[in-house]
Amino acid sequence: MTTPPAHHRDTVPAWAWANVLSIDAVTVGLVWLFVFTDQFCHRSPAGYELAIIGLSIWLVYTADRLLDSLHLDTTQSHTIRHLFHFRHRKTLGVAWVLILVLDAALIVSNATEPQLRWGCAAIAAVLAYVASVQFLKDSVRRFPKELQAGMVFAFGVSLNAWVEAAADDVMSLVVSVVMTALVFTANCVTIAALECDVDRVQRFDSWVLRSPLAARVLPIALGLHASIVSGLGLAGIIPATIAFCLIASDVLLMSLGRTLSTQTSCGSAGARPGPWVTLADVALVFPAVVFCSVSTVL
């Protein structure tokens, strides 16, 4: 969400609040937690599982944005969310500690031993991601942060499945998580393409800045991904429901990607992001919400 000359504004547009407060990321995580739990555990997520995953996602995203805001140059173009975290970093810092305590209390009082073991693996993955993105030099980091984020996020929303999946379903789970991680990565690349001009002036690393053609080839990559997922679904390698959600997200992101390919070039003035960033997250949420709604009714 570029803000030239919006860095002089104090108000947050109504459409931006979900992104500013990381509610969009939490929503994506919860609906996909429902999908994976339903497909591999044959149940709905428990209330404490939804709370723990939702709070954990908020903690990771807020910490990442607070760390980014420490290096924010407010005299240059910037995203609304980074300016918000810069201006309210003390309040958000206090809220972060309180949420961390609440999250830890929920984990200790409710999580089973297997959930704790897999949760520790997820925490290790998150810490490795944050360390890589925030503390390693761009030249040292080999894997783009968008790919890292997609992999960690997919692992996190599938934690219940890793804990409870039957032995015969492990291969299906692995393939499903990998395919989902690629869609999450595509979402991150889409947002990076929207914000490439801001990232450049703020000296934030992104895959799109490293490889300016990434935004242009994204629709092709999504089409290929959808084709592979279709084959995997028809072959019964991944659940049909997950295949549907992934293909639908591919199509929605592909439509957005085609728009970006004609409007965005990270060698020139990029498209004004605005609500486009929100639409990139809607592409991940909408198909899963449709499934969750139908599953709940039936």
C-alpha atoms as a PDB file:
ATOM      1  CA  MET A   1       0.000   0.000   0.000  1.00  0.00           C
ATOM      2  CA  THR A   2       2.068   2.874  -1.254  1.00  0.00           C
ATOM      3  CA  THR A   3       1.187   6.206   0.199  1.00  0.00           C
ATOM      4  CA  PRO A   4       2.670   9.023  -1.844  1.00  0.00           C
ATOM      5  CA  PRO A   5       1.755  11.594  -0.680  1.00  0.00           C
ATOM      6  CA  ALA A   6      -0.238   9.682   1.917  1.00  0.00           C
ATOM      7  CA  HIS A   7       2.621   9.638   4.417  1.00  0.00           C
ATOM      8  CA  HIS A   8       1.323  13.007   5.548  1.00  0.00           C
ATOM      9  CA  ARG A   9      -2.095  11.556   6.369  1.00  0.00           C
ATOM     10  CA  ASP A  10      -3.115  10.411   9.826  1.00  0.00           C
ATOM     11  CA  THR A  11      -6.242   8.467   8.888  1.00  0.00           C
ATOM     12  CA  VAL A  12      -6.347   4.821   7.878  1.00  0.00           C
ATOM     13  CA  PRO A  13      -8.799   4.033   5.045  1.00  0.00           C
ATOM     14  CA  ALA A  14     -11.576   1.638   6.003  1.00  0.00           C
ATOM     15  CA  TRP A  15     -10.377  -1.011   3.559  1.00  0.00           C
ATOM     16  CA  ALA A  16      -6.874  -0.953   5.064  1.00  0.00           C
ATOM     17  CA  TRP A  17      -7.674  -1.784   8.685  1.00  0.00           C
ATOM     18  CA  ALA A  18      -7.669  -5.553   8.196  1.00  0.00           C
ATOM     19  CA  ASN A  19      -4.182  -5.367   6.707  1.00  0.00           C
ATOM     20  CA  VAL A  20      -2.894  -2.784   9.181  1.00  0.00           C
ATOM     21  CA  LEU A  21      -3.935  -4.896  12.172  1.00  0.00           C
ATOM     22  CA  SER A  22      -2.874  -8.206  10.545  1.00  0.00           C
ATOM     23  CA  ILE A  23      -6.469  -9.438  10.676  1.00  0.00           C
ATOM     24  CA  ASP A  24      -6.223 -10.483   7.030  1.00  0.00           C
ATOM     25  CA  ALA A  25      -3.336 -12.863   7.768  1.00  0.00           C
ATOM     26  CA  VAL A  26      -5.165 -14.267  10.793  1.00  0.00           C
ATOM     27  CA  THR A  27      -8.280 -14.842   8.683  1.00  0.00           C
ATOM     28  CA  VAL A  28      -6.301 -16.671   6.005  1.00  0.00           C
ATOM     29  CA  GLY A  29      -4.699 -18.846   8.657  1.00  0.00           C
ATOM     30  CA  LEU A  30      -7.949 -19.757  10.397  1.00  0.00           C
ATOM     31  CA  VAL A  31      -9.904 -20.719   7.281  1.00  0.00           C
ATOM     32  CA  TRP A  32      -7.044 -22.861   5.993  1.00  0.00           C
ATOM     33  CA  LEU A  33      -6.652 -24.434   9.443  1.00  0.00           C
ATOM     34  CA  PHE A  34     -10.302 -25.429   9.110  1.00  0.00           C
ATOM     35  CA  VAL A  35      -9.685 -26.916   5.647  1.00  0.00           C
ATOM     36  CA  PHE A  36      -6.676 -29.013   6.677  1.00  0.00           C
ATOM     37  CA  THR A  37      -8.237 -30.136   9.961  1.00  0.00           C
ATOM     38  CA  ASP A  38     -11.442 -31.169   8.203  1.00  0.00           C
ATOM     39  CA  GLN A  39      -9.670 -33.073   5.447  1.00  0.00           C
ATOM     40  CA  PHE A  40      -7.009 -34.890   7.453  1.00  0.00           C
ATOM     41  CA  CYS A  41      -8.462 -35.039  10.978  1.00  0.00           C
ATOM     42  CA  HIS A  42     -12.129 -35.409   9.935  1.00  0.00           C
ATOM     43  CA  ARG A  43     -13.282 -32.829  12.445  1.00  0.00           C
ATOM     44  CA  SER A  44     -13.495 -29.094  12.920  1.00  0.00           C
ATOM     45  CA  PRO A  45     -10.767 -27.230  14.827  1.00  0.00           C
ATOM     46  CA  ALA A  46     -11.396 -26.883  18.550  1.00  0.00           C
ATOM     47  CA  GLY A  47     -11.896 -23.418  19.963  1.00  0.00           C
ATOM     48  CA  TYR A  48      -8.516 -23.377  21.670  1.00  0.00           C
ATOM     49  CA  GLU A  49      -6.822 -24.484  18.431  1.00  0.00           C
ATOM     50  CA  LEU A  50      -8.386 -21.598  16.530  1.00  0.00           C
ATOM     51  CA  ALA A  51      -7.373 -19.191  19.290  1.00  0.00           C
ATOM     52  CA  ILE A  52      -3.777 -20.441  19.481  1.00  0.00           C
ATOM     53  CA  ILE A  53      -3.208 -20.399  15.717  1.00  0.00           C
ATOM     54  CA  GLY A  54      -4.919 -17.025  15.304  1.00  0.00           C
ATOM     55  CA  LEU A  55      -2.975 -15.379  18.121  1.00  0.00           C
ATOM     56  CA  SER A  56       0.290 -16.959  16.972  1.00  0.00           C
ATOM     57  CA  ILE A  57      -0.147 -15.635  13.439  1.00  0.00           C
ATOM     58  CA  TRP A  58      -0.888 -12.170  14.808  1.00  0.00           C
ATOM     59  CA  LEU A  59       2.229 -12.304  16.994  1.00  0.00           C
ATOM     60  CA  VAL A  60       4.485 -13.264  14.081  1.00  0.00           C
ATOM     61  CA  TYR A  61       3.107 -10.667  11.675  1.00  0.00           C
ATOM     62  CA  THR A  62       3.082  -7.882  14.249  1.00  0.00           C
ATOM     63  CA  ALA A  63       6.642  -8.646  15.354  1.00  0.00           C
ATOM     64  CA  ASP A  64       7.835  -8.670  11.747  1.00  0.00           C
ATOM     65  CA  ARG A  65       6.171  -5.335  11.031  1.00  0.00           C
ATOM     66  CA  LEU A  66       7.422  -3.736  14.228  1.00  0.00           C
ATOM     67  CA  LEU A  67      10.972  -4.766  13.326  1.00  0.00           C
ATOM     68  CA  ASP A  68      10.504  -3.401   9.800  1.00  0.00           C
ATOM     69  CA  SER A  69       9.176  -0.122  11.180  1.00  0.00           C
ATOM     70  CA  LEU A  70      12.408   0.430  13.116  1.00  0.00           C
ATOM     71  CA  HIS A  71      14.102   1.149   9.786  1.00  0.00           C
ATOM     72  CA  LEU A  72      11.211   3.101   8.252  1.00  0.00           C
ATOM     73  CA  ASP A  73      12.064   6.382   6.547  1.00  0.00           C
ATOM     74  CA  THR A  74       8.865   8.352   7.027  1.00  0.00           C
ATOM     75  CA  THR A  75      10.018  11.042   4.589  1.00  0.00           C
ATOM     76  CA  GLN A  76       9.780   8.506   1.753  1.00  0.00           C
ATOM     77  CA  SER A  77       6.863   6.534   0.362  1.00  0.00           C
ATOM     78  CA  HIS A  78       5.777   3.786   2.714  1.00  0.00           C
ATOM     79  CA  THR A  79       2.929   1.389   3.375  1.00  0.00           C
ATOM     80  CA  ILE A  80       0.092   2.317   5.674  1.00  0.00           C
ATOM     81  CA  ARG A  81       0.746  -0.709   7.881  1.00  0.00           C
ATOM     82  CA  HIS A  82       4.413   0.167   8.408  1.00  0.00           C
ATOM     83  CA  LEU A  83       3.588   3.774   9.274  1.00  0.00           C
ATOM     84  CA  PHE A  84       0.913   2.570  11.706  1.00  0.00           C
ATOM     85  CA  HIS A  85       3.379   0.228  13.418  1.00  0.00           C
ATOM     86  CA  PHE A  86       5.995   2.999  13.486  1.00  0.00           C
ATOM     87  CA  ARG A  87       3.656   5.503  15.121  1.00  0.00           C
ATOM     88  CA  HIS A  88       2.066   3.076  17.573  1.00  0.00           C
ATOM     89  CA  ARG A  89       5.052   0.833  18.257  1.00  0.00           C
ATOM     90  CA  LYS A  90       4.926   1.315  22.042  1.00  0.00           C
ATOM     91  CA  THR A  91       1.233   0.458  22.300  1.00  0.00           C
ATOM     92  CA  LEU A  92       1.629  -2.448  19.902  1.00  0.00           C
ATOM     93  CA  GLY A  93       4.678  -3.628  21.828  1.00  0.00           C
ATOM     94  CA  VAL A  94       2.683  -3.788  25.058  1.00  0.00           C
ATOM     95  CA  ALA A  95      -0.199  -5.510  23.250  1.00  0.00           C
ATOM     96  CA  TRP A  96       2.273  -7.988  21.746  1.00  0.00           C
ATOM     97  CA  VAL A  97       3.590  -9.002  25.181  1.00  0.00           C
ATOM     98  CA  LEU A  98       0.064  -9.405  26.575  1.00  0.00           C
ATOM     99  CA  ILE A  99      -1.039 -11.497  23.594  1.00  0.00           C
ATOM    100  CA  LEU A 100       2.111 -13.613  23.925  1.00  0.00           C
ATOM    101  CA  VAL A 101       1.276 -14.351  27.568  1.00  0.00           C
ATOM    102  CA  LEU A 102      -2.316 -15.226  26.649  1.00  0.00           C
ATOM    103  CA  ASP A 103      -1.181 -17.449  23.779  1.00  0.00           C
ATOM    104  CA  ALA A 104       1.335 -19.246  25.993  1.00  0.00           C
ATOM    105  CA  ALA A 105      -1.319 -19.785  28.674  1.00  0.00           C
ATOM    106  CA  LEU A 106      -3.698 -21.308  26.134  1.00  0.00           C
ATOM    107  CA  ILE A 107      -0.968 -23.597  24.839  1.00  0.00           C
ATOM    108  CA  VAL A 108       0.110 -24.810  28.275  1.00  0.00           C
ATOM    109  CA  SER A 109      -3.445 -25.379  29.506  1.00  0.00           C
ATOM    110  CA  ASN A 110      -4.950 -26.977  26.399  1.00  0.00           C
ATOM    111  CA  ALA A 111      -2.407 -28.419  23.967  1.00  0.00           C
ATOM    112  CA  THR A 112      -1.753 -32.152  23.948  1.00  0.00           C
ATOM    113  CA  GLU A 113       1.760 -33.569  24.090  1.00  0.00           C
ATOM    114  CA  PRO A 114       1.871 -34.301  20.323  1.00  0.00           C
ATOM    115  CA  GLN A 115       0.582 -30.792  19.621  1.00  0.00           C
ATOM    116  CA  LEU A 116       3.317 -29.363  21.827  1.00  0.00           C
ATOM    117  CA  ARG A 117       5.982 -31.306  19.919  1.00  0.00           C
ATOM    118  CA  TRP A 118       4.751 -30.158  16.532  1.00  0.00           C
ATOM    119  CA  GLY A 119       4.192 -26.672  17.933  1.00  0.00           C
ATOM    120  CA  CYS A 120       7.855 -26.503  18.944  1.00  0.00           C
ATOM    121  CA  ALA A 121       8.789 -27.398  15.373  1.00  0.00           C
ATOM    122  CA  ALA A 122       6.549 -24.583  14.138  1.00  0.00           C
ATOM    123  CA  ILE A 123       8.127 -22.127  16.581  1.00  0.00           C
ATOM    124  CA  ALA A 124      11.584 -23.132  15.367  1.00  0.00           C
ATOM    125  CA  ALA A 125      10.503 -22.551  11.766  1.00  0.00           C
ATOM    126  CA  VAL A 126       9.089 -19.127  12.646  1.00  0.00           C
ATOM    127  CA  LEU A 127      12.232 -18.082  14.519  1.00  0.00           C
ATOM    128  CA  ALA A 128      14.376 -19.203  11.584  1.00  0.00           C
ATOM    129  CA  TYR A 129      12.185 -17.157   9.226  1.00  0.00           C
ATOM    130  CA  VAL A 130      12.311 -14.003  11.358  1.00  0.00           C
ATOM    131  CA  ALA A 131      16.071 -14.334  11.827  1.00  0.00           C
ATOM    132  CA  SER A 132      16.586 -14.799   8.096  1.00  0.00           C
ATOM    133  CA  VAL A 133      14.369 -11.895   7.061  1.00  0.00           C
ATOM    134  CA  GLN A 134      15.314  -9.405   9.766  1.00  0.00           C
ATOM    135  CA  PHE A 135      18.943 -10.124  10.583  1.00  0.00           C
ATOM    136  CA  LEU A 136      20.629 -11.726   7.567  1.00  0.00           C
ATOM    137  CA  LYS A 137      21.973  -9.484   4.839  1.00  0.00           C
ATOM    138  CA  ASP A 138      20.125  -9.685   1.539  1.00  0.00           C
ATOM    139  CA  SER A 139      23.229 -11.024  -0.176  1.00  0.00           C
ATOM    140  CA  VAL A 140      23.486 -13.875   2.336  1.00  0.00           C
ATOM    141  CA  ARG A 141      19.817 -14.920   2.241  1.00  0.00           C
ATOM    142  CA  ARG A 142      19.525 -17.538  -0.487  1.00  0.00           C
ATOM    143  CA  PHE A 143      15.817 -18.235  -0.352  1.00  0.00           C
ATOM    144  CA  PRO A 144      13.425 -15.340  -1.081  1.00  0.00           C
ATOM    145  CA  LYS A 145      11.496 -14.270   1.981  1.00  0.00           C
ATOM    146  CA  GLU A 146       8.212 -14.769   0.092  1.00  0.00           C
ATOM    147  CA  LEU A 147       9.012 -18.466  -0.368  1.00  0.00           C
ATOM    148  CA  GLN A 148      10.054 -18.796   3.274  1.00  0.00           C
ATOM    149  CA  ALA A 149       6.842 -17.115   4.430  1.00  0.00           C
ATOM    150  CA  GLY A 150       4.706 -19.364   2.244  1.00  0.00           C
ATOM    151  CA  MET A 151       6.363 -22.513   3.557  1.00  0.00           C
ATOM    152  CA  VAL A 152       6.156 -21.505   7.227  1.00  0.00           C
ATOM    153  CA  PHE A 153       2.537 -20.362   6.904  1.00  0.00           C
ATOM    154  CA  ALA A 154       1.450 -23.583   5.193  1.00  0.00           C
ATOM    155  CA  PHE A 155       3.170 -25.649   7.869  1.00  0.00           C
ATOM    156  CA  GLY A 156       1.493 -23.653  10.626  1.00  0.00           C
ATOM    157  CA  VAL A 157      -2.063 -23.961   9.310  1.00  0.00           C
ATOM    158  CA  SER A 158      -1.605 -27.714   8.822  1.00  0.00           C
ATOM    159  CA  LEU A 159      -0.331 -28.437  12.356  1.00  0.00           C
ATOM    160  CA  ASN A 160      -3.448 -30.370  13.363  1.00  0.00           C
ATOM    161  CA  ALA A 161      -3.042 -32.554  10.299  1.00  0.00           C
ATOM    162  CA  TRP A 162       0.588 -33.330  11.132  1.00  0.00           C
ATOM    163  CA  VAL A 163      -0.473 -34.351  14.632  1.00  0.00           C
ATOM    164  CA  GLU A 164      -3.453 -36.536  13.724  1.00  0.00           C
ATOM    165  CA  ALA A 165      -3.133 -37.660  10.098  1.00  0.00           C
ATOM    166  CA  ALA A 166      -3.172 -41.406   9.537  1.00  0.00           C
ATOM    167  CA  ALA A 167       0.039 -43.012   8.312  1.00  0.00           C
ATOM    168  CA  ASP A 168      -1.553 -43.697   4.919  1.00  0.00           C
ATOM    169  CA  ASP A 169      -2.311 -39.980   4.521  1.00  0.00           C
ATOM    170  CA  VAL A 170       1.182 -38.629   5.209  1.00  0.00           C
ATOM    171  CA  MET A 171       2.241 -38.463   1.557  1.00  0.00           C
ATOM    172  CA  SER A 172      -1.015 -36.743   0.638  1.00  0.00           C
ATOM    173  CA  LEU A 173      -0.453 -34.286   3.492  1.00  0.00           C
ATOM    174  CA  VAL A 174       3.102 -33.517   2.387  1.00  0.00           C
ATOM    175  CA  VAL A 175       2.019 -32.839  -1.201  1.00  0.00           C
ATOM    176  CA  SER A 176      -0.979 -30.777  -0.045  1.00  0.00           C
ATOM    177  CA  VAL A 177       1.192 -28.619   2.206  1.00  0.00           C
ATOM    178  CA  VAL A 178       3.768 -28.053  -0.544  1.00  0.00           C
ATOM    179  CA  MET A 179       1.077 -27.060  -3.059  1.00  0.00           C
ATOM    180  CA  THR A 180      -0.534 -24.761  -0.490  1.00  0.00           C
ATOM    181  CA  ALA A 181       2.833 -23.209   0.360  1.00  0.00           C
ATOM    182  CA  LEU A 182       3.284 -22.337  -3.317  1.00  0.00           C
ATOM    183  CA  VAL A 183      -0.075 -20.545  -3.416  1.00  0.00           C
ATOM    184  CA  PHE A 184       0.802 -18.635  -0.248  1.00  0.00           C
ATOM    185  CA  THR A 185       4.125 -17.736  -1.870  1.00  0.00           C
ATOM    186  CA  ALA A 186       2.292 -16.461  -4.951  1.00  0.00           C
ATOM    187  CA  ASN A 187       0.188 -14.262  -2.681  1.00  0.00           C
ATOM    188  CA  CYS A 188       3.358 -12.807  -1.137  1.00  0.00           C
ATOM    189  CA  VAL A 189       4.884 -12.209  -4.581  1.00  0.00           C
ATOM    190  CA  THR A 190       1.693 -10.457  -5.686  1.00  0.00           C
ATOM    191  CA  ILE A 191       1.860  -8.101  -2.711  1.00  0.00           C
ATOM    192  CA  ALA A 192       5.591  -7.566  -3.281  1.00  0.00           C
ATOM    193  CA  ALA A 193       4.808  -6.571  -6.870  1.00  0.00           C
ATOM    194  CA  LEU A 194       2.214  -4.095  -5.668  1.00  0.00           C
ATOM    195  CA  GLU A 195       4.639  -2.562  -3.181  1.00  0.00           C
ATOM    196  CA  CYS A 196       7.879  -2.801  -5.172  1.00  0.00           C
ATOM    197  CA  ASP A 197       8.374   0.961  -5.454  1.00  0.00           C
ATOM    198  CA  VAL A 198       7.922   1.396  -1.711  1.00  0.00           C
ATOM    199  CA  ASP A 199      10.259  -1.505  -0.967  1.00  0.00           C
ATOM    200  CA  ARG A 200      12.900   0.032  -3.208  1.00  0.00           C
ATOM    201  CA  VAL A 201      12.945   3.449  -1.542  1.00  0.00           C
ATOM    202  CA  GLN A 202      12.736   1.886   1.935  1.00  0.00           C
ATOM    203  CA  ARG A 203      15.481  -0.622   1.052  1.00  0.00           C
ATOM    204  CA  PHE A 204      13.251  -3.572   1.945  1.00  0.00           C
ATOM    205  CA  ASP A 205      14.205  -6.818   0.262  1.00  0.00           C
ATOM    206  CA  SER A 206      11.705  -8.638  -1.972  1.00  0.00           C
ATOM    207  CA  TRP A 207      11.709 -11.309  -4.651  1.00  0.00           C
ATOM    208  CA  VAL A 208      10.268  -8.823  -7.142  1.00  0.00           C
ATOM    209  CA  LEU A 209      13.156  -6.410  -6.603  1.00  0.00           C
ATOM    210  CA  ARG A 210      15.656  -9.228  -6.986  1.00  0.00           C
ATOM    211  CA  SER A 211      13.925 -10.475 -10.133  1.00  0.00           C
ATOM    212  CA  PRO A 212      11.775  -7.737 -11.728  1.00  0.00           C
ATOM    213  CA  LEU A 213      10.143 -10.223 -14.122  1.00  0.00           C
ATOM    214  CA  ALA A 214       8.583 -12.130 -11.234  1.00  0.00           C
ATOM    215  CA  ALA A 215       5.329 -10.170 -11.440  1.00  0.00           C
ATOM    216  CA  ARG A 216       5.056 -10.752 -15.187  1.00  0.00           C
ATOM    217  CA  VAL A 217       5.576 -14.520 -15.025  1.00  0.00           C
ATOM    218  CA  LEU A 218       3.324 -14.951 -11.998  1.00  0.00           C
ATOM    219  CA  PRO A 219       0.133 -15.655 -14.020  1.00  0.00           C
ATOM    220  CA  ILE A 220       1.980 -18.335 -15.998  1.00  0.00           C
ATOM    221  CA  ALA A 221       3.316 -19.911 -12.807  1.00  0.00           C
ATOM    222  CA  LEU A 222      -0.170 -19.893 -11.281  1.00  0.00           C
ATOM    223  CA  GLY A 223      -1.621 -21.522 -14.389  1.00  0.00           C
ATOM    224  CA  LEU A 224       1.005 -24.252 -14.206  1.00  0.00           C
ATOM    225  CA  HIS A 225       0.333 -24.716 -10.503  1.00  0.00           C
ATOM    226  CA  ALA A 226      -3.414 -25.039 -11.136  1.00  0.00           C
ATOM    227  CA  SER A 227      -2.769 -27.671 -13.808  1.00  0.00           C
ATOM    228  CA  ILE A 228      -0.544 -29.704 -11.490  1.00  0.00           C
ATOM    229  CA  VAL A 229      -3.048 -29.446  -8.634  1.00  0.00           C
ATOM    230  CA  SER A 230      -5.832 -30.570 -10.984  1.00  0.00           C
ATOM    231  CA  GLY A 231      -3.833 -33.655 -11.882  1.00  0.00           C
ATOM    232  CA  LEU A 232      -3.037 -34.391  -8.256  1.00  0.00           C
ATOM    233  CA  GLY A 233      -6.689 -34.015  -7.299  1.00  0.00           C
ATOM    234  CA  LEU A 234      -7.950 -36.231 -10.114  1.00  0.00           C
ATOM    235  CA  ALA A 235      -5.359 -38.864  -9.212  1.00  0.00           C
ATOM    236  CA  GLY A 236      -6.506 -38.792  -5.591  1.00  0.00           C
ATOM    237  CA  ILE A 237      -3.070 -37.776  -4.357  1.00  0.00           C
ATOM    238  CA  ILE A 238      -4.466 -34.714  -2.590  1.00  0.00           C
ATOM    239  CA  PRO A 239      -8.031 -34.281  -1.263  1.00  0.00           C
ATOM    240  CA  ALA A 240     -10.490 -32.909  -3.810  1.00  0.00           C
ATOM    241  CA  THR A 241     -11.529 -30.129  -1.435  1.00  0.00           C
ATOM    242  CA  ILE A 242      -7.982 -28.856  -1.034  1.00  0.00           C
ATOM    243  CA  ALA A 243      -7.512 -29.103  -4.802  1.00  0.00           C
ATOM    244  CA  PHE A 244     -10.652 -26.991  -5.309  1.00  0.00           C
ATOM    245  CA  CYS A 245      -9.513 -24.316  -2.851  1.00  0.00           C
ATOM    246  CA  LEU A 246      -6.035 -24.151  -4.389  1.00  0.00           C
ATOM    247  CA  ILE A 247      -7.281 -23.963  -7.983  1.00  0.00           C
ATOM    248  CA  ALA A 248      -9.834 -21.287  -7.096  1.00  0.00           C
ATOM    249  CA  SER A 249      -7.128 -19.256  -5.348  1.00  0.00           C
ATOM    250  CA  ASP A 250      -4.882 -19.742  -8.386  1.00  0.00           C
ATOM    251  CA  VAL A 251      -7.577 -18.365 -10.680  1.00  0.00           C
ATOM    252  CA  LEU A 252      -8.245 -15.338  -8.472  1.00  0.00           C
ATOM    253  CA  LEU A 253      -4.541 -14.564  -8.051  1.00  0.00           C
ATOM    254  CA  MET A 254      -4.011 -15.143 -11.775  1.00  0.00           C
ATOM    255  CA  SER A 255      -6.609 -12.506 -12.597  1.00  0.00           C
ATOM    256  CA  LEU A 256      -4.931 -10.070 -10.239  1.00  0.00           C
ATOM    257  CA  GLY A 257      -1.505 -11.032 -11.575  1.00  0.00           C
ATOM    258  CA  ARG A 258      -2.534 -10.304 -15.155  1.00  0.00           C
ATOM    259  CA  THR A 259      -3.688  -6.874 -14.083  1.00  0.00           C
ATOM    260  CA  LEU A 260      -0.362  -6.309 -12.354  1.00  0.00           C
ATOM    261  CA  SER A 261       1.623  -7.499 -15.370  1.00  0.00           C
ATOM    262  CA  THR A 262       0.184  -4.639 -17.411  1.00  0.00           C
ATOM    263  CA  GLN A 263       0.330  -2.001 -14.664  1.00  0.00           C
ATOM    264  CA  THR A 264       3.382  -2.868 -12.587  1.00  0.00           C
ATOM    265  CA  SER A 265       7.003  -2.786 -13.591  1.00  0.00           C
ATOM    266  CA  CYS A 266       9.624  -2.458 -10.937  1.00  0.00           C
ATOM    267  CA  GLY A 267      11.754  -0.420 -13.210  1.00  0.00           C
ATOM    268  CA  SER A 268       9.135   2.253 -13.574  1.00  0.00           C
ATOM    269  CA  ALA A 269       6.262   3.682 -11.603  1.00  0.00           C
ATOM    270  CA  GLY A 270       4.349   0.751 -10.188  1.00  0.00           C
ATOM    271  CA  ALA A 271       0.613   0.469  -9.857  1.00  0.00           C
ATOM    272  CA  ARG A 272      -0.950   2.264  -6.920  1.00  0.00           C
ATOM    273  CA  PRO A 273      -1.558  -0.642  -4.522  1.00  0.00           C
ATOM    274  CA  GLY A 274      -4.546   0.627  -2.572  1.00  0.00           C
ATOM    275  CA  PRO A 275      -7.173  -2.083  -2.038  1.00  0.00           C
ATOM    276  CA  TRP A 276      -5.325  -4.438  -4.421  1.00  0.00           C
ATOM    277  CA  VAL A 277      -3.345  -5.781  -1.457  1.00  0.00           C
ATOM    278  CA  THR A 278      -6.595  -6.678   0.276  1.00  0.00           C
ATOM    279  CA  LEU A 279      -7.809  -8.457  -2.864  1.00  0.00           C
ATOM    280  CA  ALA A 280      -4.645 -10.567  -2.901  1.00  0.00           C
ATOM    281  CA  ASP A 281      -5.595 -11.905   0.531  1.00  0.00           C
ATOM    282  CA  VAL A 282      -9.250 -12.310  -0.444  1.00  0.00           C
ATOM    283  CA  ALA A 283      -8.030 -14.668  -3.179  1.00  0.00           C
ATOM    284  CA  LEU A 284      -6.770 -17.002  -0.450  1.00  0.00           C
ATOM    285  CA  VAL A 285      -9.740 -16.565   1.863  1.00  0.00           C
ATOM    286  CA  PHE A 286     -12.774 -16.732  -0.430  1.00  0.00           C
ATOM    287  CA  PRO A 287     -12.457 -20.330  -1.738  1.00  0.00           C
ATOM    288  CA  ALA A 288     -11.711 -21.678   1.741  1.00  0.00           C
ATOM    289  CA  VAL A 289     -14.621 -19.709   3.229  1.00  0.00           C
ATOM    290  CA  VAL A 290     -16.946 -21.196   0.615  1.00  0.00           C
ATOM    291  CA  PHE A 291     -15.824 -24.677   1.649  1.00  0.00           C
ATOM    292  CA  CYS A 292     -16.106 -23.889   5.366  1.00  0.00           C
ATOM    293  CA  SER A 293     -19.630 -22.524   4.870  1.00  0.00           C
ATOM    294  CA  VAL A 294     -20.800 -25.524   2.855  1.00  0.00           C
ATOM    295  CA  SER A 295     -19.150 -27.951   5.271  1.00  0.00           C
ATOM    296  CA  THR A 296     -20.806 -26.280   8.262  1.00  0.00           C
ATOM    297  CA  VAL A 297     -24.255 -26.347   6.639  1.00  0.00           C
ATOM    298  CA  LEU A 298     -23.934 -29.983   5.604  1.00  0.00           C
END
